[in-house]
Amino acid sequence: DITISQAGDILIKAMDRETGESRTFRLDRLISYTVHRT
């Protein structure tokens, strides 16, 4: 899921592959990323 917070931040909701837990990340805190084909 991708949402916008009440404060206007874009939030990325995702499952962490290592822990299997749900996590939320702010788009403005991403430094780099790689999209995989799996």
Full PDB file with SEQRES, HELIX, SHEET, SSBOND, CRYST1, ORIGX, SCALE, CONECT and MASTER records, all heavy atoms in Angstrom:
SEQRES   1 A   38  ASP ILE THR ILE SER GLN ALA GLY ASP ILE LEU ILE LYS          
SEQRES   2 A   38  ALA MET ASP ARG GLU THR GLY GLU SER ARG THR PHE ARG          
SEQRES   3 A   38  LEU ASP ARG LEU ILE SER TYR THR VAL HIS ARG THR              
HELIX    1 AA1 LEU A   27  ARG A   29  5                                   3    
SHEET    1 AA1 3 ILE A   2  ILE A   4  0                                        
SHEET    2 AA1 3 ILE A  10  MET A  15 -1                                        
SHEET    3 AA1 3 SER A  22  ARG A  26 -1                                        
CRYST1    1.000    1.000    1.000  90.00  90.00  90.00 P 1           1          
ORIGX1      1.000000  0.000000  0.000000        0.00000                         
ORIGX2      0.000000  1.000000  0.000000        0.00000                         
ORIGX3      0.000000  0.000000  1.000000        0.00000                         
SCALE1      1.000000  0.000000  0.000000        0.00000                         
SCALE2      0.000000  1.000000  0.000000        0.00000                         
SCALE3      0.000000  0.000000  1.000000        0.00000                         
ATOM      1  N   ASP A   1       0.842  -1.188   0.000  1.00  0.00           N  
ATOM      2  CA  ASP A   1       0.000   0.000   0.000  1.00  0.00           C  
ATOM      3  C   ASP A   1       0.882   1.244   0.000  1.00  0.00           C  
ATOM      4  O   ASP A   1       1.993   1.222   0.530  1.00  0.00           O  
ATOM      5  CB  ASP A   1      -0.908   0.009   1.241  1.00  0.00           C  
ATOM      6  CG  ASP A   1      -2.116   0.916   1.096  1.00  0.00           C  
ATOM      7  OD1 ASP A   1      -2.359   1.446  -0.013  1.00  0.00           O  
ATOM      8  OD2 ASP A   1      -2.836   1.094   2.094  1.00  0.00           O  
ATOM      9  N   ILE A   2       0.371   2.307  -0.593  1.00  0.00           N  
ATOM     10  CA  ILE A   2       1.041   3.602  -0.562  1.00  0.00           C  
ATOM     11  C   ILE A   2      -0.017   4.613  -0.176  1.00  0.00           C  
ATOM     12  O   ILE A   2      -1.074   4.683  -0.806  1.00  0.00           O  
ATOM     13  CB  ILE A   2       1.680   3.944  -1.917  1.00  0.00           C  
ATOM     14  CG1 ILE A   2       2.739   2.902  -2.278  1.00  0.00           C  
ATOM     15  CG2 ILE A   2       2.300   5.335  -1.880  1.00  0.00           C  
ATOM     16  CD1 ILE A   2       3.366   3.071  -3.643  1.00  0.00           C  
ATOM     17  N   THR A   3       0.248   5.367   0.888  1.00  0.00           N  
ATOM     18  CA  THR A   3      -0.736   6.311   1.408  1.00  0.00           C  
ATOM     19  C   THR A   3      -0.097   7.675   1.641  1.00  0.00           C  
ATOM     20  O   THR A   3       1.122   7.820   1.560  1.00  0.00           O  
ATOM     21  CB  THR A   3      -1.337   5.819   2.749  1.00  0.00           C  
ATOM     22  OG1 THR A   3      -0.297   5.732   3.712  1.00  0.00           O  
ATOM     23  CG2 THR A   3      -2.008   4.465   2.600  1.00  0.00           C  
ATOM     24  N   ILE A   4      -0.932   8.641   1.953  1.00  0.00           N  
ATOM     25  CA  ILE A   4      -0.471   9.973   2.337  1.00  0.00           C  
ATOM     26  C   ILE A   4      -0.905  10.193   3.779  1.00  0.00           C  
ATOM     27  O   ILE A   4      -2.077  10.012   4.113  1.00  0.00           O  
ATOM     28  CB  ILE A   4      -1.068  11.062   1.431  1.00  0.00           C  
ATOM     29  CG1 ILE A   4      -0.669  10.811  -0.031  1.00  0.00           C  
ATOM     30  CG2 ILE A   4      -0.600  12.443   1.880  1.00  0.00           C  
ATOM     31  CD1 ILE A   4      -1.327  11.744  -1.014  1.00  0.00           C  
ATOM     32  N   SER A   5       0.026  10.576   4.641  1.00  0.00           N  
ATOM     33  CA  SER A   5      -0.283  10.786   6.059  1.00  0.00           C  
ATOM     34  C   SER A   5      -1.051  12.087   6.245  1.00  0.00           C  
ATOM     35  O   SER A   5      -1.135  12.918   5.329  1.00  0.00           O  
ATOM     36  CB  SER A   5       1.002  10.829   6.888  1.00  0.00           C  
ATOM     37  OG  SER A   5       1.702  12.029   6.627  1.00  0.00           O  
ATOM     38  N   GLN A   6      -1.594  12.283   7.424  1.00  0.00           N  
ATOM     39  CA  GLN A   6      -2.287  13.527   7.756  1.00  0.00           C  
ATOM     40  C   GLN A   6      -1.354  14.726   7.595  1.00  0.00           C  
ATOM     41  O   GLN A   6      -1.785  15.803   7.246  1.00  0.00           O  
ATOM     42  CB  GLN A   6      -2.815  13.467   9.200  1.00  0.00           C  
ATOM     43  CG  GLN A   6      -3.860  12.415   9.436  1.00  0.00           C  
ATOM     44  CD  GLN A   6      -5.235  12.813   8.909  1.00  0.00           C  
ATOM     45  OE1 GLN A   6      -5.490  13.951   8.599  1.00  0.00           O  
ATOM     46  NE2 GLN A   6      -6.113  11.827   8.813  1.00  0.00           N  
ATOM     47  N   ALA A   7      -0.048  14.516   7.822  1.00  0.00           N  
ATOM     48  CA  ALA A   7       0.947  15.586   7.704  1.00  0.00           C  
ATOM     49  C   ALA A   7       1.375  15.828   6.258  1.00  0.00           C  
ATOM     50  O   ALA A   7       2.139  16.742   5.978  1.00  0.00           O  
ATOM     51  CB  ALA A   7       2.169  15.256   8.553  1.00  0.00           C  
ATOM     52  N   GLY A   8       0.897  14.978   5.337  1.00  0.00           N  
ATOM     53  CA  GLY A   8       1.223  15.147   3.927  1.00  0.00           C  
ATOM     54  C   GLY A   8       2.411  14.335   3.446  1.00  0.00           C  
ATOM     55  O   GLY A   8       2.839  14.484   2.307  1.00  0.00           O  
ATOM     56  N   ASP A   9       2.957  13.463   4.294  1.00  0.00           N  
ATOM     57  CA  ASP A   9       4.075  12.604   3.894  1.00  0.00           C  
ATOM     58  C   ASP A   9       3.543  11.413   3.104  1.00  0.00           C  
ATOM     59  O   ASP A   9       2.505  10.851   3.440  1.00  0.00           O  
ATOM     60  CB  ASP A   9       4.832  12.074   5.122  1.00  0.00           C  
ATOM     61  CG  ASP A   9       5.472  13.176   5.923  1.00  0.00           C  
ATOM     62  OD1 ASP A   9       6.084  14.073   5.308  1.00  0.00           O  
ATOM     63  OD2 ASP A   9       5.375  13.143   7.165  1.00  0.00           O  
ATOM     64  N   ILE A  10       4.276  11.008   2.085  1.00  0.00           N  
ATOM     65  CA  ILE A  10       3.912   9.814   1.331  1.00  0.00           C  
ATOM     66  C   ILE A  10       4.509   8.620   2.059  1.00  0.00           C  
ATOM     67  O   ILE A  10       5.713   8.577   2.326  1.00  0.00           O  
ATOM     68  CB  ILE A  10       4.416   9.886  -0.118  1.00  0.00           C  
ATOM     69  CG1 ILE A  10       3.732  11.059  -0.823  1.00  0.00           C  
ATOM     70  CG2 ILE A  10       4.139   8.572  -0.851  1.00  0.00           C  
ATOM     71  CD1 ILE A  10       4.255  11.345  -2.204  1.00  0.00           C  
ATOM     72  N   LEU A  11       3.654   7.663   2.416  1.00  0.00           N  
ATOM     73  CA  LEU A  11       4.061   6.497   3.194  1.00  0.00           C  
ATOM     74  C   LEU A  11       3.972   5.237   2.349  1.00  0.00           C  
ATOM     75  O   LEU A  11       2.979   5.008   1.662  1.00  0.00           O  
ATOM     76  CB  LEU A  11       3.157   6.338   4.417  1.00  0.00           C  
ATOM     77  CG  LEU A  11       3.065   7.538   5.349  1.00  0.00           C  
ATOM     78  CD1 LEU A  11       2.056   7.266   6.457  1.00  0.00           C  
ATOM     79  CD2 LEU A  11       4.425   7.885   5.917  1.00  0.00           C  
ATOM     80  N   ILE A  12       5.023   4.439   2.428  1.00  0.00           N  
ATOM     81  CA  ILE A  12       5.076   3.169   1.722  1.00  0.00           C  
ATOM     82  C   ILE A  12       4.887   2.077   2.764  1.00  0.00           C  
ATOM     83  O   ILE A  12       5.698   1.946   3.682  1.00  0.00           O  
ATOM     84  CB  ILE A  12       6.429   3.001   1.004  1.00  0.00           C  
ATOM     85  CG1 ILE A  12       6.610   4.136   0.009  1.00  0.00           C  
ATOM     86  CG2 ILE A  12       6.520   1.631   0.340  1.00  0.00           C  
ATOM     87  CD1 ILE A  12       8.036   4.343  -0.405  1.00  0.00           C  
ATOM     88  N   LYS A  13       3.819   1.327   2.638  1.00  0.00           N  
ATOM     89  CA  LYS A  13       3.552   0.230   3.565  1.00  0.00           C  
ATOM     90  C   LYS A  13       3.973  -1.058   2.885  1.00  0.00           C  
ATOM     91  O   LYS A  13       3.573  -1.322   1.745  1.00  0.00           O  
ATOM     92  CB  LYS A  13       2.078   0.197   3.949  1.00  0.00           C  
ATOM     93  CG  LYS A  13       1.665   1.439   4.713  1.00  0.00           C  
ATOM     94  CD  LYS A  13       0.249   1.373   5.150  1.00  0.00           C  
ATOM     95  CE  LYS A  13      -0.096   2.637   5.927  1.00  0.00           C  
ATOM     96  NZ  LYS A  13      -1.421   2.565   6.489  1.00  0.00           N  
ATOM     97  N   ALA A  14       4.800  -1.824   3.588  1.00  0.00           N  
ATOM     98  CA  ALA A  14       5.378  -3.003   2.959  1.00  0.00           C  
ATOM     99  C   ALA A  14       5.689  -4.065   3.992  1.00  0.00           C  
ATOM    100  O   ALA A  14       5.812  -3.785   5.184  1.00  0.00           O  
ATOM    101  CB  ALA A  14       6.657  -2.612   2.222  1.00  0.00           C  
ATOM    102  N   MET A  15       5.839  -5.282   3.496  1.00  0.00           N  
ATOM    103  CA  MET A  15       6.280  -6.392   4.319  1.00  0.00           C  
ATOM    104  C   MET A  15       7.793  -6.481   4.198  1.00  0.00           C  
ATOM    105  O   MET A  15       8.336  -6.418   3.096  1.00  0.00           O  
ATOM    106  CB  MET A  15       5.636  -7.697   3.852  1.00  0.00           C  
ATOM    107  CG  MET A  15       4.112  -7.685   3.900  1.00  0.00           C  
ATOM    108  SD  MET A  15       3.422  -7.286   5.516  1.00  0.00           S  
ATOM    109  CE  MET A  15       3.905  -8.726   6.436  1.00  0.00           C  
ATOM    110  N   ASP A  16       8.476  -6.602   5.336  1.00  0.00           N  
ATOM    111  CA  ASP A  16       9.924  -6.761   5.358  1.00  0.00           C  
ATOM    112  C   ASP A  16      10.235  -8.227   5.109  1.00  0.00           C  
ATOM    113  O   ASP A  16       9.759  -9.102   5.840  1.00  0.00           O  
ATOM    114  CB  ASP A  16      10.454  -6.312   6.722  1.00  0.00           C  
ATOM    115  CG  ASP A  16      11.955  -6.334   6.823  1.00  0.00           C  
ATOM    116  OD1 ASP A  16      12.599  -7.187   6.179  1.00  0.00           O  
ATOM    117  OD2 ASP A  16      12.501  -5.505   7.564  1.00  0.00           O  
ATOM    118  N   ARG A  17      11.005  -8.514   4.098  1.00  0.00           N  
ATOM    119  CA  ARG A  17      11.305  -9.912   3.767  1.00  0.00           C  
ATOM    120  C   ARG A  17      12.114 -10.615   4.845  1.00  0.00           C  
ATOM    121  O   ARG A  17      11.966 -11.815   5.050  1.00  0.00           O  
ATOM    122  CB  ARG A  17      12.062  -9.999   2.441  1.00  0.00           C  
ATOM    123  CG  ARG A  17      11.155 -10.037   1.258  1.00  0.00           C  
ATOM    124  CD  ARG A  17      11.899 -10.516   0.058  1.00  0.00           C  
ATOM    125  NE  ARG A  17      10.962 -10.988  -0.936  1.00  0.00           N  
ATOM    126  CZ  ARG A  17      11.313 -11.419  -2.106  1.00  0.00           C  
ATOM    127  NH1 ARG A  17      12.580 -11.443  -2.452  1.00  0.00           N  
ATOM    128  NH2 ARG A  17      10.408 -11.833  -2.957  1.00  0.00           N  
ATOM    129  N   GLU A  18      12.965  -9.886   5.540  1.00  0.00           N  
ATOM    130  CA  GLU A  18      13.810 -10.521   6.559  1.00  0.00           C  
ATOM    131  C   GLU A  18      13.019 -10.917   7.794  1.00  0.00           C  
ATOM    132  O   GLU A  18      13.174 -12.007   8.328  1.00  0.00           O  
ATOM    133  CB  GLU A  18      14.949  -9.574   6.956  1.00  0.00           C  
ATOM    134  CG  GLU A  18      15.955 -10.197   7.899  1.00  0.00           C  
ATOM    135  CD  GLU A  18      17.122  -9.268   8.176  1.00  0.00           C  
ATOM    136  OE1 GLU A  18      17.511  -8.516   7.279  1.00  0.00           O  
ATOM    137  OE2 GLU A  18      17.625  -9.298   9.314  1.00  0.00           O  
ATOM    138  N   THR A  19      12.144 -10.022   8.258  1.00  0.00           N  
ATOM    139  CA  THR A  19      11.405 -10.291   9.493  1.00  0.00           C  
ATOM    140  C   THR A  19       9.992 -10.814   9.249  1.00  0.00           C  
ATOM    141  O   THR A  19       9.377 -11.354  10.162  1.00  0.00           O  
ATOM    142  CB  THR A  19      11.293  -9.004  10.341  1.00  0.00           C  
ATOM    143  OG1 THR A  19      10.505  -8.042   9.612  1.00  0.00           O  
ATOM    144  CG2 THR A  19      12.651  -8.431  10.673  1.00  0.00           C  
ATOM    145  N   GLY A  20       9.450 -10.574   8.048  1.00  0.00           N  
ATOM    146  CA  GLY A  20       8.076 -10.977   7.755  1.00  0.00           C  
ATOM    147  C   GLY A  20       7.051 -10.046   8.378  1.00  0.00           C  
ATOM    148  O   GLY A  20       5.863 -10.330   8.376  1.00  0.00           O  
ATOM    149  N   GLU A  21       7.509  -8.906   8.904  1.00  0.00           N  
ATOM    150  CA  GLU A  21       6.617  -7.957   9.570  1.00  0.00           C  
ATOM    151  C   GLU A  21       6.274  -6.785   8.658  1.00  0.00           C  
ATOM    152  O   GLU A  21       7.035  -6.426   7.767  1.00  0.00           O  
ATOM    153  CB  GLU A  21       7.281  -7.434  10.849  1.00  0.00           C  
ATOM    154  CG  GLU A  21       7.531  -8.512  11.873  1.00  0.00           C  
ATOM    155  CD  GLU A  21       8.279  -7.976  13.091  1.00  0.00           C  
ATOM    156  OE1 GLU A  21       8.780  -6.835  13.049  1.00  0.00           O  
ATOM    157  OE2 GLU A  21       8.359  -8.713  14.081  1.00  0.00           O  
ATOM    158  N   SER A  22       5.135  -6.168   8.949  1.00  0.00           N  
ATOM    159  CA  SER A  22       4.714  -4.990   8.217  1.00  0.00           C  
ATOM    160  C   SER A  22       5.506  -3.777   8.701  1.00  0.00           C  
ATOM    161  O   SER A  22       5.700  -3.599   9.903  1.00  0.00           O  
ATOM    162  CB  SER A  22       3.218  -4.758   8.440  1.00  0.00           C  
ATOM    163  OG  SER A  22       2.804  -3.603   7.758  1.00  0.00           O  
ATOM    164  N   ARG A  23       5.957  -2.960   7.772  1.00  0.00           N  
ATOM    165  CA  ARG A  23       6.721  -1.752   8.079  1.00  0.00           C  
ATOM    166  C   ARG A  23       6.181  -0.602   7.240  1.00  0.00           C  
ATOM    167  O   ARG A  23       5.612  -0.801   6.173  1.00  0.00           O  
ATOM    168  CB  ARG A  23       8.209  -1.932   7.745  1.00  0.00           C  
ATOM    169  CG  ARG A  23       8.893  -3.003   8.532  1.00  0.00           C  
ATOM    170  CD  ARG A  23       9.283  -2.463   9.895  1.00  0.00           C  
ATOM    171  NE  ARG A  23      10.059  -3.447  10.613  1.00  0.00           N  
ATOM    172  CZ  ARG A  23       9.729  -3.920  11.794  1.00  0.00           C  
ATOM    173  NH1 ARG A  23       8.632  -3.509  12.380  1.00  0.00           N  
ATOM    174  NH2 ARG A  23      10.490  -4.792  12.399  1.00  0.00           N  
ATOM    175  N   THR A  24       6.404   0.617   7.724  1.00  0.00           N  
ATOM    176  CA  THR A  24       6.019   1.821   6.994  1.00  0.00           C  
ATOM    177  C   THR A  24       7.253   2.686   6.805  1.00  0.00           C  
ATOM    178  O   THR A  24       8.021   2.902   7.746  1.00  0.00           O  
ATOM    179  CB  THR A  24       4.934   2.606   7.758  1.00  0.00           C  
ATOM    180  OG1 THR A  24       3.787   1.748   7.942  1.00  0.00           O  
ATOM    181  CG2 THR A  24       4.503   3.843   6.997  1.00  0.00           C  
ATOM    182  N   PHE A  25       7.440   3.176   5.579  1.00  0.00           N  
ATOM    183  CA  PHE A  25       8.592   3.992   5.237  1.00  0.00           C  
ATOM    184  C   PHE A  25       8.112   5.288   4.598  1.00  0.00           C  
ATOM    185  O   PHE A  25       7.209   5.262   3.768  1.00  0.00           O  
ATOM    186  CB  PHE A  25       9.496   3.260   4.228  1.00  0.00           C  
ATOM    187  CG  PHE A  25       9.924   1.905   4.698  1.00  0.00           C  
ATOM    188  CD1 PHE A  25       9.206   0.774   4.358  1.00  0.00           C  
ATOM    189  CD2 PHE A  25      11.058   1.753   5.479  1.00  0.00           C  
ATOM    190  CE1 PHE A  25       9.597  -0.484   4.782  1.00  0.00           C  
ATOM    191  CE2 PHE A  25      11.459   0.500   5.914  1.00  0.00           C  
ATOM    192  CZ  PHE A  25      10.736  -0.615   5.564  1.00  0.00           C  
ATOM    193  N   ARG A  26       8.734   6.403   4.971  1.00  0.00           N  
ATOM    194  CA  ARG A  26       8.418   7.674   4.335  1.00  0.00           C  
ATOM    195  C   ARG A  26       9.217   7.788   3.034  1.00  0.00           C  
ATOM    196  O   ARG A  26      10.415   7.525   3.005  1.00  0.00           O  
ATOM    197  CB  ARG A  26       8.761   8.844   5.249  1.00  0.00           C  
ATOM    198  CG  ARG A  26       7.743   9.062   6.325  1.00  0.00           C  
ATOM    199  CD  ARG A  26       7.993  10.255   7.211  1.00  0.00           C  
ATOM    200  NE  ARG A  26       8.862  11.288   6.682  1.00  0.00           N  
ATOM    201  CZ  ARG A  26       9.421  12.218   7.448  1.00  0.00           C  
ATOM    202  NH1 ARG A  26       9.211  12.231   8.755  1.00  0.00           N  
ATOM    203  NH2 ARG A  26      10.193  13.135   6.915  1.00  0.00           N  
ATOM    204  N   LEU A  27       8.554   8.209   1.973  1.00  0.00           N  
ATOM    205  CA  LEU A  27       9.205   8.329   0.676  1.00  0.00           C  
ATOM    206  C   LEU A  27      10.398   9.284   0.735  1.00  0.00           C  
ATOM    207  O   LEU A  27      11.436   9.020   0.134  1.00  0.00           O  
ATOM    208  CB  LEU A  27       8.205   8.806  -0.382  1.00  0.00           C  
ATOM    209  CG  LEU A  27       8.756   8.957  -1.800  1.00  0.00           C  
ATOM    210  CD1 LEU A  27       9.130   7.591  -2.371  1.00  0.00           C  
ATOM    211  CD2 LEU A  27       7.761   9.663  -2.693  1.00  0.00           C  
ATOM    212  N   ASP A  28      10.266  10.371   1.496  1.00  0.00           N  
ATOM    213  CA  ASP A  28      11.349  11.356   1.540  1.00  0.00           C  
ATOM    214  C   ASP A  28      12.583  10.858   2.288  1.00  0.00           C  
ATOM    215  O   ASP A  28      13.633  11.483   2.242  1.00  0.00           O  
ATOM    216  CB  ASP A  28      10.865  12.674   2.139  1.00  0.00           C  
ATOM    217  CG  ASP A  28      10.397  12.560   3.581  1.00  0.00           C  
ATOM    218  OD1 ASP A  28       9.776  11.540   3.925  1.00  0.00           O  
ATOM    219  OD2 ASP A  28      10.652  13.496   4.357  1.00  0.00           O  
ATOM    220  N   ARG A  29      12.508   9.715   2.946  1.00  0.00           N  
ATOM    221  CA  ARG A  29      13.659   9.139   3.643  1.00  0.00           C  
ATOM    222  C   ARG A  29      14.372   8.055   2.823  1.00  0.00           C  
ATOM    223  O   ARG A  29      15.386   7.530   3.266  1.00  0.00           O  
ATOM    224  CB  ARG A  29      13.232   8.571   4.989  1.00  0.00           C  
ATOM    225  CG  ARG A  29      12.834   9.653   5.985  1.00  0.00           C  
ATOM    226  CD  ARG A  29      12.469   9.023   7.310  1.00  0.00           C  
ATOM    227  NE  ARG A  29      12.114  10.029   8.269  1.00  0.00           N  
ATOM    228  CZ  ARG A  29      12.904  10.421   9.271  1.00  0.00           C  
ATOM    229  NH1 ARG A  29      14.084   9.872   9.429  1.00  0.00           N  
ATOM    230  NH2 ARG A  29      12.506  11.335  10.115  1.00  0.00           N  
ATOM    231  N   LEU A  30      13.843   7.732   1.654  1.00  0.00           N  
ATOM    232  CA  LEU A  30      14.511   6.768   0.786  1.00  0.00           C  
ATOM    233  C   LEU A  30      15.744   7.414   0.168  1.00  0.00           C  
ATOM    234  O   LEU A  30      15.673   8.527  -0.348  1.00  0.00           O  
ATOM    235  CB  LEU A  30      13.574   6.309  -0.331  1.00  0.00           C  
ATOM    236  CG  LEU A  30      12.918   4.955  -0.160  1.00  0.00           C  
ATOM    237  CD1 LEU A  30      11.999   4.952   1.027  1.00  0.00           C  
ATOM    238  CD2 LEU A  30      12.218   4.558  -1.414  1.00  0.00           C  
ATOM    239  N   ILE A  31      16.861   6.701   0.231  1.00  0.00           N  
ATOM    240  CA  ILE A  31      18.113   7.184  -0.359  1.00  0.00           C  
ATOM    241  C   ILE A  31      18.309   6.551  -1.727  1.00  0.00           C  
ATOM    242  O   ILE A  31      18.656   7.225  -2.693  1.00  0.00           O  
ATOM    243  CB  ILE A  31      19.306   6.857   0.560  1.00  0.00           C  
ATOM    244  CG1 ILE A  31      19.137   7.569   1.892  1.00  0.00           C  
ATOM    245  CG2 ILE A  31      20.627   7.217  -0.107  1.00  0.00           C  
ATOM    246  CD1 ILE A  31      20.084   7.090   2.963  1.00  0.00           C  
ATOM    247  N   SER A  32      18.084   5.247  -1.810  1.00  0.00           N  
ATOM    248  CA  SER A  32      18.217   4.537  -3.077  1.00  0.00           C  
ATOM    249  C   SER A  32      17.333   3.294  -3.038  1.00  0.00           C  
ATOM    250  O   SER A  32      16.882   2.878  -1.971  1.00  0.00           O  
ATOM    251  CB  SER A  32      19.680   4.153  -3.341  1.00  0.00           C  
ATOM    252  OG  SER A  32      20.143   3.297  -2.327  1.00  0.00           O  
ATOM    253  N   TYR A  33      17.101   2.736  -4.227  1.00  0.00           N  
ATOM    254  CA  TYR A  33      16.265   1.547  -4.303  1.00  0.00           C  
ATOM    255  C   TYR A  33      16.586   0.754  -5.566  1.00  0.00           C  
ATOM    256  O   TYR A  33      17.100   1.288  -6.543  1.00  0.00           O  
ATOM    257  CB  TYR A  33      14.775   1.913  -4.276  1.00  0.00           C  
ATOM    258  CG  TYR A  33      14.330   2.721  -5.465  1.00  0.00           C  
ATOM    259  CD1 TYR A  33      13.726   2.104  -6.553  1.00  0.00           C  
ATOM    260  CD2 TYR A  33      14.516   4.103  -5.518  1.00  0.00           C  
ATOM    261  CE1 TYR A  33      13.326   2.837  -7.651  1.00  0.00           C  
ATOM    262  CE2 TYR A  33      14.123   4.845  -6.610  1.00  0.00           C  
ATOM    263  CZ  TYR A  33      13.526   4.212  -7.677  1.00  0.00           C  
ATOM    264  OH  TYR A  33      13.130   4.931  -8.773  1.00  0.00           O  
ATOM    265  N   THR A  34      16.270  -0.520  -5.506  1.00  0.00           N  
ATOM    266  CA  THR A  34      16.394  -1.410  -6.652  1.00  0.00           C  
ATOM    267  C   THR A  34      15.123  -2.239  -6.729  1.00  0.00           C  
ATOM    268  O   THR A  34      14.741  -2.874  -5.748  1.00  0.00           O  
ATOM    269  CB  THR A  34      17.605  -2.369  -6.493  1.00  0.00           C  
ATOM    270  OG1 THR A  34      18.783  -1.591  -6.356  1.00  0.00           O  
ATOM    271  CG2 THR A  34      17.722  -3.307  -7.678  1.00  0.00           C  
ATOM    272  N   VAL A  35      14.471  -2.210  -7.876  1.00  0.00           N  
ATOM    273  CA  VAL A  35      13.282  -3.027  -8.094  1.00  0.00           C  
ATOM    274  C   VAL A  35      13.746  -4.360  -8.675  1.00  0.00           C  
ATOM    275  O   VAL A  35      14.486  -4.390  -9.658  1.00  0.00           O  
ATOM    276  CB  VAL A  35      12.288  -2.340  -9.048  1.00  0.00           C  
ATOM    277  CG1 VAL A  35      11.094  -3.241  -9.318  1.00  0.00           C  
ATOM    278  CG2 VAL A  35      11.839  -0.993  -8.486  1.00  0.00           C  
ATOM    279  N   HIS A  36      13.326  -5.448  -8.049  1.00  0.00           N  
ATOM    280  CA  HIS A  36      13.703  -6.787  -8.496  1.00  0.00           C  
ATOM    281  C   HIS A  36      12.643  -7.348  -9.439  1.00  0.00           C  
ATOM    282  O   HIS A  36      11.514  -6.882  -9.460  1.00  0.00           O  
ATOM    283  CB  HIS A  36      13.889  -7.720  -7.298  1.00  0.00           C  
ATOM    284  CG  HIS A  36      14.914  -7.216  -6.331  1.00  0.00           C  
ATOM    285  ND1 HIS A  36      16.268  -7.323  -6.554  1.00  0.00           N  
ATOM    286  CD2 HIS A  36      14.785  -6.566  -5.143  1.00  0.00           C  
ATOM    287  CE1 HIS A  36      16.931  -6.782  -5.551  1.00  0.00           C  
ATOM    288  NE2 HIS A  36      16.046  -6.309  -4.683  1.00  0.00           N  
ATOM    289  N   ARG A  37      12.990  -8.358 -10.173  1.00  0.00           N  
ATOM    290  CA  ARG A  37      12.072  -8.982 -11.137  1.00  0.00           C  
ATOM    291  C   ARG A  37      11.478 -10.278 -10.617  1.00  0.00           C  
ATOM    292  O   ARG A  37      10.837 -11.004 -11.359  1.00  0.00           O  
ATOM    293  CB  ARG A  37      12.790  -9.242 -12.454  1.00  0.00           C  
ATOM    294  CG  ARG A  37      13.324  -7.999 -13.092  1.00  0.00           C  
ATOM    295  CD  ARG A  37      12.188  -7.187 -13.661  1.00  0.00           C  
ATOM    296  NE  ARG A  37      12.719  -5.993 -14.307  1.00  0.00           N  
ATOM    297  CZ  ARG A  37      12.074  -4.859 -14.340  1.00  0.00           C  
ATOM    298  NH1 ARG A  37      10.895  -4.743 -13.790  1.00  0.00           N  
ATOM    299  NH2 ARG A  37      12.607  -3.822 -14.930  1.00  0.00           N  
ATOM    300  N   THR A  38      11.663 -10.569  -9.344  1.00  0.00           N  
ATOM    301  CA  THR A  38      11.110 -11.785  -8.752  1.00  0.00           C  
ATOM    302  C   THR A  38       9.716 -11.498  -8.218  1.00  0.00           C  
ATOM    303  O   THR A  38       9.248 -10.367  -8.239  1.00  0.00           O  
ATOM    304  CB  THR A  38      12.022 -12.291  -7.622  1.00  0.00           C  
ATOM    305  OG1 THR A  38      12.143 -11.256  -6.640  1.00  0.00           O  
ATOM    306  CG2 THR A  38      13.393 -12.662  -8.147  1.00  0.00           C  
TER     307      THR A  38                                                      
MASTER        0    0    0    1    3    0    0    6  306    1    0    3          
END                                                                             
